[in-house]
Amino acid sequence: MDHRNLTPYEPRGLPVRRGTKNELHLQYLEKEDKEAFSIDGKMDVDAIFTVVKRAVRETLNEERSGLGLAFSNLPWNVGALWEIWGNYIVMNEELINVMKHLTKSDREFNSVVFMLLTHEYIHSLGYIDERRTRLMTSIVANFTFGPEHPASIISRGDLWQIYPQIRELKGGKGDKLKFIMKFDSSATSYIA
């Protein structure tokens, strides 16, 4: 089965429980494995990205290494971006800083970061179509956390509708980049 053509309710043929809301759940993971997918506590971007990579690998059976991260003064309506065939995900620094104050918990803030990173990571796997990438981001979040988790809710919706205050951001032109040195560290098992 080609997983690039899946509907939201057929993730790679893995075992799912279909409820009245067509909920997606991980059923085959042991308890300690599920903890590896937790984004509930204080986490840095590198730790959240480790969860992103695991979740995408478990859901879509695809992965890549060697991505970098930078923060930039992106326009207000861009949460993050990945340039086609590039090696960096660029996140909107102003948006991330504002979301730290708008979100009510570490879990909610991490869910926003998870959604943004998952979306751009899926793009980096070669999925260029924006609508398909949004759908796949939602599938990954639902499959990993269940439908009621903030990451799933945010992935199904529109960040600017869920948090309308961020429409007030000035934004920038993306002309300043701050590279993050500790990112995708799970892909590096040696000292460079």
N, C-alpha and C. Protein backbone atom coordinates (compact mmCIF):
# COMPACT_ATOMS: atom_id res chain seq x y z
N MET A 1 0.84 -1.18 0.00
CA MET A 1 0.00 0.00 0.00
C MET A 1 0.89 1.24 0.00
N ASP A 2 0.62 2.18 -0.87
CA ASP A 2 1.37 3.43 -0.92
C ASP A 2 0.80 4.37 0.13
N HIS A 3 1.58 4.65 1.20
CA HIS A 3 1.09 5.48 2.29
C HIS A 3 0.97 6.95 1.91
N ARG A 4 1.47 7.36 0.78
CA ARG A 4 1.32 8.76 0.35
C ARG A 4 -0.10 9.07 -0.08
N ASN A 5 -0.92 8.05 -0.31
CA ASN A 5 -2.29 8.25 -0.75
C ASN A 5 -3.30 7.84 0.31
N LEU A 6 -2.91 7.85 1.57
CA LEU A 6 -3.80 7.39 2.63
C LEU A 6 -4.82 8.45 3.00
N THR A 7 -5.98 7.98 3.42
CA THR A 7 -6.95 8.87 4.03
C THR A 7 -6.56 9.01 5.49
N PRO A 8 -7.17 9.94 6.24
CA PRO A 8 -6.79 10.11 7.63
C PRO A 8 -7.05 8.87 8.48
N TYR A 9 -7.80 7.95 7.99
CA TYR A 9 -8.19 6.81 8.82
C TYR A 9 -7.50 5.52 8.40
N GLU A 10 -6.47 5.62 7.57
CA GLU A 10 -5.74 4.43 7.14
C GLU A 10 -4.24 4.64 7.26
N PRO A 11 -3.72 4.89 8.46
CA PRO A 11 -2.30 5.15 8.57
C PRO A 11 -1.47 3.89 8.36
N ARG A 12 -0.98 3.68 7.13
CA ARG A 12 -0.03 2.63 6.83
C ARG A 12 -0.52 1.24 7.17
N GLY A 13 -1.80 1.03 7.40
CA GLY A 13 -2.30 -0.29 7.72
C GLY A 13 -1.96 -0.75 9.12
N LEU A 14 -1.46 0.15 9.98
CA LEU A 14 -1.15 -0.23 11.35
C LEU A 14 -2.42 -0.43 12.13
N PRO A 15 -2.38 -1.18 13.23
CA PRO A 15 -3.59 -1.44 13.98
C PRO A 15 -4.16 -0.17 14.60
N VAL A 16 -5.41 0.11 14.31
CA VAL A 16 -6.08 1.27 14.89
C VAL A 16 -7.42 0.83 15.44
N ARG A 17 -7.90 1.57 16.42
CA ARG A 17 -9.24 1.33 16.93
C ARG A 17 -10.12 2.42 16.35
N ARG A 18 -11.17 2.01 15.69
CA ARG A 18 -12.08 2.99 15.10
C ARG A 18 -13.25 3.19 16.04
N GLY A 19 -13.34 4.39 16.60
CA GLY A 19 -14.43 4.71 17.50
C GLY A 19 -15.51 5.47 16.77
N THR A 20 -16.44 6.00 17.53
CA THR A 20 -17.53 6.73 16.90
C THR A 20 -17.02 7.99 16.21
N LYS A 21 -15.85 8.49 16.63
CA LYS A 21 -15.28 9.68 16.00
C LYS A 21 -14.12 9.31 15.09
N ASN A 22 -14.02 8.04 14.70
CA ASN A 22 -12.90 7.57 13.89
C ASN A 22 -11.57 7.95 14.53
N GLU A 23 -11.45 7.70 15.83
CA GLU A 23 -10.26 8.05 16.57
C GLU A 23 -9.10 7.14 16.18
N LEU A 24 -7.91 7.74 16.16
CA LEU A 24 -6.70 6.99 15.88
C LEU A 24 -5.92 6.86 17.18
N HIS A 25 -5.49 5.66 17.48
CA HIS A 25 -4.73 5.43 18.71
C HIS A 25 -3.58 4.48 18.45
N LEU A 26 -2.49 4.69 19.16
CA LEU A 26 -1.43 3.70 19.16
C LEU A 26 -1.86 2.60 20.11
N GLN A 27 -2.01 1.39 19.61
CA GLN A 27 -2.42 0.27 20.46
C GLN A 27 -1.28 -0.68 20.73
N TYR A 28 -0.25 -0.63 19.94
CA TYR A 28 0.76 -1.66 19.99
C TYR A 28 1.97 -1.26 20.82
N LEU A 29 2.01 -0.05 21.33
CA LEU A 29 3.17 0.38 22.10
C LEU A 29 3.03 0.01 23.57
N GLU A 30 4.12 -0.42 24.15
CA GLU A 30 4.16 -0.67 25.58
C GLU A 30 4.14 0.67 26.31
N LYS A 31 3.83 0.63 27.61
CA LYS A 31 3.73 1.86 28.39
C LYS A 31 5.01 2.69 28.31
N GLU A 32 6.17 2.06 28.46
CA GLU A 32 7.42 2.82 28.43
C GLU A 32 7.66 3.43 27.05
N ASP A 33 7.19 2.77 25.99
CA ASP A 33 7.32 3.34 24.66
C ASP A 33 6.43 4.57 24.52
N LYS A 34 5.25 4.53 25.09
CA LYS A 34 4.34 5.68 25.01
C LYS A 34 4.95 6.89 25.69
N GLU A 35 5.70 6.66 26.79
CA GLU A 35 6.35 7.77 27.47
C GLU A 35 7.39 8.44 26.57
N ALA A 36 7.96 7.70 25.65
CA ALA A 36 8.93 8.28 24.71
C ALA A 36 8.24 9.25 23.75
N PHE A 37 6.92 9.20 23.67
CA PHE A 37 6.16 10.09 22.80
C PHE A 37 5.52 11.24 23.58
N SER A 38 5.84 11.38 24.85
CA SER A 38 5.22 12.42 25.68
C SER A 38 5.83 13.79 25.39
N ILE A 39 4.96 14.79 25.32
CA ILE A 39 5.42 16.18 25.21
C ILE A 39 4.77 17.01 26.32
N ASP A 40 4.55 16.37 27.46
CA ASP A 40 3.80 17.00 28.53
C ASP A 40 4.62 17.91 29.45
N GLY A 41 5.89 17.69 29.62
CA GLY A 41 6.69 18.48 30.56
C GLY A 41 7.49 19.55 29.87
N LYS A 42 8.38 20.19 30.64
CA LYS A 42 9.28 21.19 30.06
C LYS A 42 10.24 20.49 29.10
N MET A 43 10.32 21.00 27.89
CA MET A 43 11.18 20.39 26.87
C MET A 43 11.79 21.48 26.01
N ASP A 44 13.00 21.22 25.52
CA ASP A 44 13.56 22.14 24.54
C ASP A 44 13.15 21.68 23.14
N VAL A 45 13.47 22.49 22.16
CA VAL A 45 13.05 22.20 20.78
C VAL A 45 13.67 20.89 20.28
N ASP A 46 14.89 20.61 20.68
CA ASP A 46 15.55 19.37 20.27
C ASP A 46 14.80 18.15 20.80
N ALA A 47 14.37 18.19 22.05
CA ALA A 47 13.63 17.06 22.63
C ALA A 47 12.27 16.89 21.94
N ILE A 48 11.60 17.99 21.64
CA ILE A 48 10.32 17.90 20.93
C ILE A 48 10.55 17.32 19.54
N PHE A 49 11.64 17.74 18.88
CA PHE A 49 11.91 17.22 17.54
C PHE A 49 12.21 15.72 17.56
N THR A 50 12.82 15.24 18.63
CA THR A 50 13.03 13.80 18.77
C THR A 50 11.70 13.06 18.78
N VAL A 51 10.71 13.62 19.49
CA VAL A 51 9.36 13.03 19.51
C VAL A 51 8.74 13.12 18.12
N VAL A 52 8.92 14.25 17.44
CA VAL A 52 8.40 14.42 16.08
C VAL A 52 8.93 13.32 15.17
N LYS A 53 10.23 13.10 15.19
CA LYS A 53 10.83 12.09 14.31
C LYS A 53 10.30 10.69 14.62
N ARG A 54 10.18 10.37 15.91
CA ARG A 54 9.64 9.05 16.28
C ARG A 54 8.20 8.91 15.82
N ALA A 55 7.41 9.96 16.04
CA ALA A 55 5.99 9.91 15.68
C ALA A 55 5.81 9.74 14.17
N VAL A 56 6.57 10.49 13.39
CA VAL A 56 6.48 10.38 11.94
C VAL A 56 6.95 9.00 11.48
N ARG A 57 8.02 8.51 12.07
CA ARG A 57 8.52 7.18 11.69
C ARG A 57 7.48 6.10 12.00
N GLU A 58 6.84 6.18 13.17
CA GLU A 58 5.84 5.18 13.55
C GLU A 58 4.58 5.28 12.70
N THR A 59 4.21 6.49 12.31
CA THR A 59 2.97 6.70 11.56
C THR A 59 3.15 6.52 10.06
N LEU A 60 4.19 7.11 9.51
CA LEU A 60 4.38 7.13 8.06
C LEU A 60 5.49 6.21 7.57
N ASN A 61 6.25 5.67 8.51
CA ASN A 61 7.37 4.79 8.19
C ASN A 61 8.40 5.49 7.30
N GLU A 62 8.64 6.76 7.60
CA GLU A 62 9.63 7.55 6.87
C GLU A 62 10.41 8.40 7.85
N GLU A 63 11.66 8.68 7.52
CA GLU A 63 12.47 9.56 8.34
C GLU A 63 13.63 10.10 7.53
N ARG A 64 14.25 11.12 8.07
CA ARG A 64 15.49 11.66 7.50
C ARG A 64 16.29 12.27 8.63
N SER A 65 17.56 12.41 8.42
CA SER A 65 18.45 13.00 9.42
C SER A 65 19.12 14.22 8.82
N GLY A 66 19.82 14.92 9.68
CA GLY A 66 20.65 16.01 9.20
C GLY A 66 19.96 17.34 9.03
N LEU A 67 18.82 17.52 9.66
CA LEU A 67 18.16 18.82 9.58
C LEU A 67 18.71 19.76 10.65
N GLY A 68 18.78 21.01 10.32
CA GLY A 68 19.15 22.03 11.27
C GLY A 68 17.94 22.89 11.59
N LEU A 69 18.09 23.74 12.59
CA LEU A 69 17.01 24.64 12.99
C LEU A 69 17.55 26.05 13.13
N ALA A 70 16.76 26.99 12.68
CA ALA A 70 17.08 28.40 12.87
C ALA A 70 15.80 29.12 13.27
N PHE A 71 15.96 30.21 13.99
CA PHE A 71 14.85 31.11 14.30
C PHE A 71 15.04 32.37 13.48
N SER A 72 13.92 32.95 13.05
CA SER A 72 14.00 34.15 12.23
C SER A 72 12.81 35.05 12.52
N ASN A 73 12.92 36.28 12.08
CA ASN A 73 11.83 37.25 12.17
C ASN A 73 10.94 37.13 10.94
N LEU A 74 10.22 36.02 10.87
CA LEU A 74 9.36 35.73 9.72
C LEU A 74 8.11 36.61 9.73
N PRO A 75 7.42 36.74 8.60
CA PRO A 75 6.14 37.45 8.58
C PRO A 75 5.16 36.85 9.59
N TRP A 76 4.23 37.64 10.07
CA TRP A 76 3.34 37.23 11.16
C TRP A 76 2.52 35.99 10.82
N ASN A 77 2.24 35.77 9.54
CA ASN A 77 1.37 34.66 9.15
C ASN A 77 2.14 33.39 8.77
N VAL A 78 3.43 33.34 9.08
CA VAL A 78 4.24 32.15 8.81
C VAL A 78 4.76 31.62 10.14
N GLY A 79 4.34 30.42 10.49
CA GLY A 79 4.78 29.81 11.75
C GLY A 79 6.18 29.24 11.64
N ALA A 80 6.46 28.61 10.53
CA ALA A 80 7.76 28.00 10.27
C ALA A 80 7.84 27.73 8.77
N LEU A 81 9.03 27.43 8.30
CA LEU A 81 9.17 27.09 6.89
C LEU A 81 10.36 26.16 6.69
N TRP A 82 10.31 25.47 5.59
CA TRP A 82 11.42 24.64 5.13
C TRP A 82 11.55 24.93 3.64
N GLU A 83 12.73 25.37 3.24
CA GLU A 83 12.95 25.64 1.82
C GLU A 83 13.11 24.32 1.10
N ILE A 84 12.47 24.20 -0.05
CA ILE A 84 12.50 22.95 -0.80
C ILE A 84 13.95 22.51 -1.01
N TRP A 85 14.20 21.27 -0.62
CA TRP A 85 15.49 20.59 -0.67
C TRP A 85 16.53 21.21 0.25
N GLY A 86 16.07 22.02 1.19
CA GLY A 86 17.00 22.61 2.15
C GLY A 86 17.30 21.67 3.31
N ASN A 87 18.21 22.12 4.16
CA ASN A 87 18.60 21.33 5.33
C ASN A 87 18.20 21.99 6.64
N TYR A 88 17.43 23.07 6.57
CA TYR A 88 17.04 23.78 7.78
C TYR A 88 15.55 24.01 7.84
N ILE A 89 15.02 23.85 9.05
CA ILE A 89 13.68 24.32 9.36
C ILE A 89 13.88 25.68 10.01
N VAL A 90 13.12 26.65 9.58
CA VAL A 90 13.19 28.00 10.16
C VAL A 90 11.87 28.27 10.86
N MET A 91 11.95 28.60 12.15
CA MET A 91 10.75 28.89 12.94
C MET A 91 10.65 30.38 13.19
N ASN A 92 9.42 30.87 13.30
CA ASN A 92 9.15 32.27 13.55
C ASN A 92 9.42 32.57 15.02
N GLU A 93 10.52 33.24 15.30
CA GLU A 93 10.94 33.49 16.68
C GLU A 93 9.92 34.33 17.45
N GLU A 94 9.38 35.35 16.83
CA GLU A 94 8.39 36.19 17.52
C GLU A 94 7.14 35.38 17.87
N LEU A 95 6.69 34.56 16.94
CA LEU A 95 5.52 33.72 17.19
C LEU A 95 5.79 32.76 18.35
N ILE A 96 6.94 32.12 18.36
CA ILE A 96 7.27 31.18 19.44
C ILE A 96 7.31 31.90 20.78
N ASN A 97 7.91 33.08 20.83
CA ASN A 97 7.97 33.84 22.08
C ASN A 97 6.58 34.24 22.57
N VAL A 98 5.71 34.65 21.66
CA VAL A 98 4.35 35.02 22.04
C VAL A 98 3.57 33.79 22.51
N MET A 99 3.77 32.65 21.84
CA MET A 99 3.05 31.43 22.21
C MET A 99 3.44 30.96 23.61
N LYS A 100 4.65 31.26 24.05
CA LYS A 100 5.06 30.90 25.42
C LYS A 100 4.14 31.57 26.44
N HIS A 101 3.64 32.75 26.11
CA HIS A 101 2.78 33.49 27.02
C HIS A 101 1.30 33.19 26.80
N LEU A 102 0.91 32.88 25.58
CA LEU A 102 -0.50 32.61 25.28
C LEU A 102 -0.95 31.22 25.74
N THR A 103 -0.06 30.26 25.67
CA THR A 103 -0.44 28.90 26.04
C THR A 103 -0.50 28.79 27.56
N LYS A 104 -1.35 27.87 28.02
CA LYS A 104 -1.62 27.76 29.45
C LYS A 104 -0.76 26.72 30.16
N SER A 105 -0.01 25.92 29.41
CA SER A 105 0.79 24.86 30.03
C SER A 105 1.96 24.50 29.12
N ASP A 106 2.93 23.80 29.70
CA ASP A 106 4.03 23.28 28.88
C ASP A 106 3.49 22.36 27.80
N ARG A 107 2.51 21.54 28.15
CA ARG A 107 1.93 20.59 27.20
C ARG A 107 1.34 21.33 25.98
N GLU A 108 0.62 22.41 26.24
CA GLU A 108 0.01 23.17 25.15
C GLU A 108 1.08 23.86 24.29
N PHE A 109 2.07 24.47 24.94
CA PHE A 109 3.15 25.12 24.20
C PHE A 109 3.92 24.10 23.36
N ASN A 110 4.27 22.97 23.97
CA ASN A 110 4.99 21.92 23.25
C ASN A 110 4.16 21.39 22.08
N SER A 111 2.84 21.40 22.23
CA SER A 111 1.96 20.94 21.15
C SER A 111 2.03 21.87 19.95
N VAL A 112 2.12 23.17 20.20
CA VAL A 112 2.27 24.14 19.11
C VAL A 112 3.59 23.88 18.38
N VAL A 113 4.67 23.74 19.15
CA VAL A 113 5.98 23.50 18.56
C VAL A 113 5.98 22.16 17.82
N PHE A 114 5.35 21.14 18.41
CA PHE A 114 5.25 19.82 17.77
C PHE A 114 4.56 19.95 16.41
N MET A 115 3.45 20.66 16.37
CA MET A 115 2.71 20.81 15.12
C MET A 115 3.56 21.51 14.07
N LEU A 116 4.20 22.61 14.43
CA LEU A 116 5.02 23.35 13.47
C LEU A 116 6.19 22.51 12.95
N LEU A 117 6.88 21.84 13.87
CA LEU A 117 8.02 21.02 13.46
C LEU A 117 7.59 19.81 12.64
N THR A 118 6.50 19.17 13.04
CA THR A 118 6.01 18.01 12.29
C THR A 118 5.66 18.41 10.86
N HIS A 119 4.96 19.51 10.73
CA HIS A 119 4.55 20.00 9.40
C HIS A 119 5.78 20.21 8.51
N GLU A 120 6.78 20.91 9.02
CA GLU A 120 7.96 21.20 8.21
C GLU A 120 8.81 19.95 7.99
N TYR A 121 8.86 19.06 8.98
CA TYR A 121 9.59 17.81 8.83
C TYR A 121 8.97 16.96 7.72
N ILE A 122 7.64 16.91 7.68
CA ILE A 122 6.96 16.16 6.61
C ILE A 122 7.28 16.78 5.25
N HIS A 123 7.30 18.11 5.18
CA HIS A 123 7.74 18.76 3.93
C HIS A 123 9.14 18.27 3.56
N SER A 124 10.03 18.19 4.54
CA SER A 124 11.43 17.82 4.26
C SER A 124 11.56 16.38 3.77
N LEU A 125 10.52 15.57 3.99
CA LEU A 125 10.52 14.19 3.49
C LEU A 125 10.11 14.12 2.02
N GLY A 126 9.77 15.28 1.45
CA GLY A 126 9.43 15.33 0.03
C GLY A 126 7.97 15.60 -0.26
N TYR A 127 7.17 15.83 0.76
CA TYR A 127 5.75 16.15 0.56
C TYR A 127 5.63 17.66 0.43
N ILE A 128 5.41 18.12 -0.77
CA ILE A 128 5.42 19.56 -1.05
C ILE A 128 4.02 20.16 -0.96
N ASP A 129 3.01 19.41 -1.35
CA ASP A 129 1.64 19.92 -1.36
C ASP A 129 1.21 20.32 0.06
N GLU A 130 0.81 21.58 0.21
CA GLU A 130 0.48 22.13 1.53
C GLU A 130 -0.72 21.44 2.16
N ARG A 131 -1.77 21.23 1.41
CA ARG A 131 -2.97 20.59 1.97
C ARG A 131 -2.68 19.17 2.43
N ARG A 132 -1.96 18.43 1.61
CA ARG A 132 -1.61 17.05 1.99
C ARG A 132 -0.71 17.04 3.23
N THR A 133 0.22 17.98 3.30
CA THR A 133 1.12 18.05 4.46
C THR A 133 0.34 18.39 5.72
N ARG A 134 -0.62 19.28 5.63
CA ARG A 134 -1.47 19.59 6.80
C ARG A 134 -2.24 18.36 7.25
N LEU A 135 -2.79 17.64 6.30
CA LEU A 135 -3.53 16.42 6.61
C LEU A 135 -2.61 15.39 7.27
N MET A 136 -1.42 15.22 6.72
CA MET A 136 -0.48 14.25 7.28
C MET A 136 -0.02 14.66 8.67
N THR A 137 0.15 15.95 8.91
CA THR A 137 0.51 16.43 10.24
C THR A 137 -0.58 16.07 11.23
N SER A 138 -1.83 16.26 10.84
CA SER A 138 -2.96 15.90 11.69
C SER A 138 -3.01 14.40 11.95
N ILE A 139 -2.75 13.60 10.92
CA ILE A 139 -2.74 12.15 11.07
C ILE A 139 -1.68 11.73 12.08
N VAL A 140 -0.48 12.29 11.95
CA VAL A 140 0.61 11.94 12.87
C VAL A 140 0.23 12.30 14.30
N ALA A 141 -0.30 13.49 14.52
CA ALA A 141 -0.67 13.91 15.88
C ALA A 141 -1.78 13.04 16.44
N ASN A 142 -2.82 12.79 15.65
CA ASN A 142 -3.93 11.95 16.12
C ASN A 142 -3.48 10.54 16.42
N PHE A 143 -2.66 9.99 15.55
CA PHE A 143 -2.20 8.62 15.71
C PHE A 143 -1.28 8.50 16.92
N THR A 144 -0.49 9.52 17.18
CA THR A 144 0.48 9.49 18.28
C THR A 144 -0.15 9.79 19.62
N PHE A 145 -1.03 10.79 19.68
CA PHE A 145 -1.53 11.28 20.96
C PHE A 145 -3.01 11.03 21.20
N GLY A 146 -3.77 10.69 20.18
CA GLY A 146 -5.21 10.59 20.32
C GLY A 146 -5.86 11.92 19.98
N PRO A 147 -7.16 11.93 19.70
CA PRO A 147 -7.82 13.12 19.16
C PRO A 147 -8.01 14.27 20.14
N GLU A 148 -7.95 14.02 21.43
CA GLU A 148 -8.22 15.09 22.40
C GLU A 148 -6.96 15.80 22.88
N HIS A 149 -5.82 15.35 22.49
CA HIS A 149 -4.56 15.97 22.90
C HIS A 149 -4.43 17.33 22.21
N PRO A 150 -3.86 18.33 22.90
CA PRO A 150 -3.70 19.64 22.27
C PRO A 150 -2.96 19.60 20.93
N ALA A 151 -1.97 18.73 20.79
CA ALA A 151 -1.25 18.64 19.51
C ALA A 151 -2.18 18.22 18.38
N SER A 152 -3.12 17.33 18.68
CA SER A 152 -4.08 16.88 17.66
C SER A 152 -5.07 17.98 17.32
N ILE A 153 -5.56 18.66 18.34
CA ILE A 153 -6.53 19.74 18.14
C ILE A 153 -5.89 20.87 17.32
N ILE A 154 -4.68 21.25 17.69
CA ILE A 154 -3.98 22.32 16.98
C ILE A 154 -3.67 21.89 15.54
N SER A 155 -3.28 20.64 15.35
CA SER A 155 -2.95 20.14 14.01
C SER A 155 -4.17 20.07 13.10
N ARG A 156 -5.34 19.84 13.68
CA ARG A 156 -6.57 19.79 12.88
C ARG A 156 -7.06 21.18 12.50
N GLY A 157 -6.70 22.16 13.31
CA GLY A 157 -7.24 23.50 13.12
C GLY A 157 -6.26 24.44 12.46
N ASP A 158 -6.51 25.71 12.66
CA ASP A 158 -5.67 26.77 12.13
C ASP A 158 -5.14 27.55 13.33
N LEU A 159 -3.83 27.60 13.48
CA LEU A 159 -3.21 28.24 14.63
C LEU A 159 -3.70 29.67 14.81
N TRP A 160 -3.94 30.40 13.70
CA TRP A 160 -4.34 31.79 13.77
C TRP A 160 -5.82 31.95 14.13
N GLN A 161 -6.60 30.89 13.99
CA GLN A 161 -7.99 30.92 14.47
C GLN A 161 -8.07 30.47 15.92
N ILE A 162 -7.24 29.50 16.29
CA ILE A 162 -7.23 29.02 17.67
C ILE A 162 -6.69 30.10 18.60
N TYR A 163 -5.67 30.82 18.15
CA TYR A 163 -5.05 31.90 18.93
C TYR A 163 -5.12 33.19 18.11
N PRO A 164 -6.29 33.84 18.05
CA PRO A 164 -6.43 35.02 17.18
C PRO A 164 -5.51 36.18 17.58
N GLN A 165 -5.01 36.19 18.81
CA GLN A 165 -4.11 37.26 19.24
C GLN A 165 -2.84 37.32 18.39
N ILE A 166 -2.43 36.20 17.81
CA ILE A 166 -1.18 36.21 17.05
C ILE A 166 -1.32 36.94 15.71
N ARG A 167 -2.54 37.26 15.35
CA ARG A 167 -2.74 38.07 14.13
C ARG A 167 -2.22 39.49 14.32
N GLU A 168 -2.03 39.88 15.58
CA GLU A 168 -1.56 41.24 15.91
C GLU A 168 -0.04 41.38 15.79
N LEU A 169 0.66 40.27 15.59
CA LEU A 169 2.12 40.34 15.51
C LEU A 169 2.57 41.20 14.34
N LYS A 170 3.66 41.93 14.54
CA LYS A 170 4.20 42.74 13.46
C LYS A 170 4.88 41.87 12.42
N GLY A 171 5.64 40.93 12.88
CA GLY A 171 6.37 40.07 11.95
C GLY A 171 7.54 40.79 11.33
N GLY A 172 8.26 40.08 10.52
CA GLY A 172 9.44 40.65 9.88
C GLY A 172 9.56 40.15 8.46
N LYS A 173 10.75 40.29 7.93
CA LYS A 173 11.00 39.91 6.54
C LYS A 173 11.78 38.60 6.43
N GLY A 174 12.14 38.01 7.56
CA GLY A 174 12.92 36.79 7.51
C GLY A 174 14.37 37.03 7.14
N ASP A 175 14.84 38.26 7.40
CA ASP A 175 16.20 38.61 6.99
C ASP A 175 17.26 38.37 8.07
N LYS A 176 16.83 37.90 9.24
CA LYS A 176 17.77 37.60 10.33
C LYS A 176 17.59 36.15 10.73
N LEU A 177 18.68 35.41 10.80
CA LEU A 177 18.63 34.01 11.19
C LEU A 177 19.50 33.78 12.42
N LYS A 178 18.96 33.00 13.38
CA LYS A 178 19.73 32.54 14.53
C LYS A 178 19.75 31.03 14.46
N PHE A 179 20.92 30.46 14.23
CA PHE A 179 21.03 29.01 14.11
C PHE A 179 21.14 28.38 15.49
N ILE A 180 20.41 27.29 15.68
CA ILE A 180 20.42 26.55 16.93
C ILE A 180 21.41 25.40 16.78
N MET A 181 22.39 25.36 17.66
CA MET A 181 23.44 24.35 17.54
C MET A 181 22.97 22.96 17.97
N LYS A 182 22.16 22.89 19.02
CA LYS A 182 21.72 21.57 19.50
C LYS A 182 20.35 21.27 18.91
N PHE A 183 20.34 20.59 17.78
CA PHE A 183 19.10 20.22 17.12
C PHE A 183 19.32 18.95 16.33
N ASP A 184 18.33 18.07 16.34
CA ASP A 184 18.41 16.76 15.70
C ASP A 184 19.59 15.97 16.26
N SER A 185 19.82 16.15 17.57
CA SER A 185 20.95 15.47 18.20
C SER A 185 20.75 13.96 18.27
N SER A 186 19.50 13.50 18.17
CA SER A 186 19.27 12.05 18.18
C SER A 186 19.85 11.39 16.93
N ALA A 187 20.13 12.17 15.89
CA ALA A 187 20.68 11.62 14.65
C ALA A 187 22.20 11.53 14.71
N THR A 188 22.82 12.15 15.71
CA THR A 188 24.27 12.16 15.81
C THR A 188 24.70 11.33 17.01
N SER A 189 25.28 10.18 16.75
CA SER A 189 25.70 9.31 17.84
C SER A 189 27.22 9.30 18.01
N TYR A 190 27.88 10.28 17.45
CA TYR A 190 29.33 10.35 17.55
C TYR A 190 29.72 11.80 17.82
N ILE A 191 30.95 12.00 18.21
CA ILE A 191 31.45 13.35 18.45
C ILE A 191 32.07 13.85 17.16
N ALA A 192 31.56 14.96 16.66
CA ALA A 192 32.05 15.50 15.38
C ALA A 192 33.19 16.46 15.61
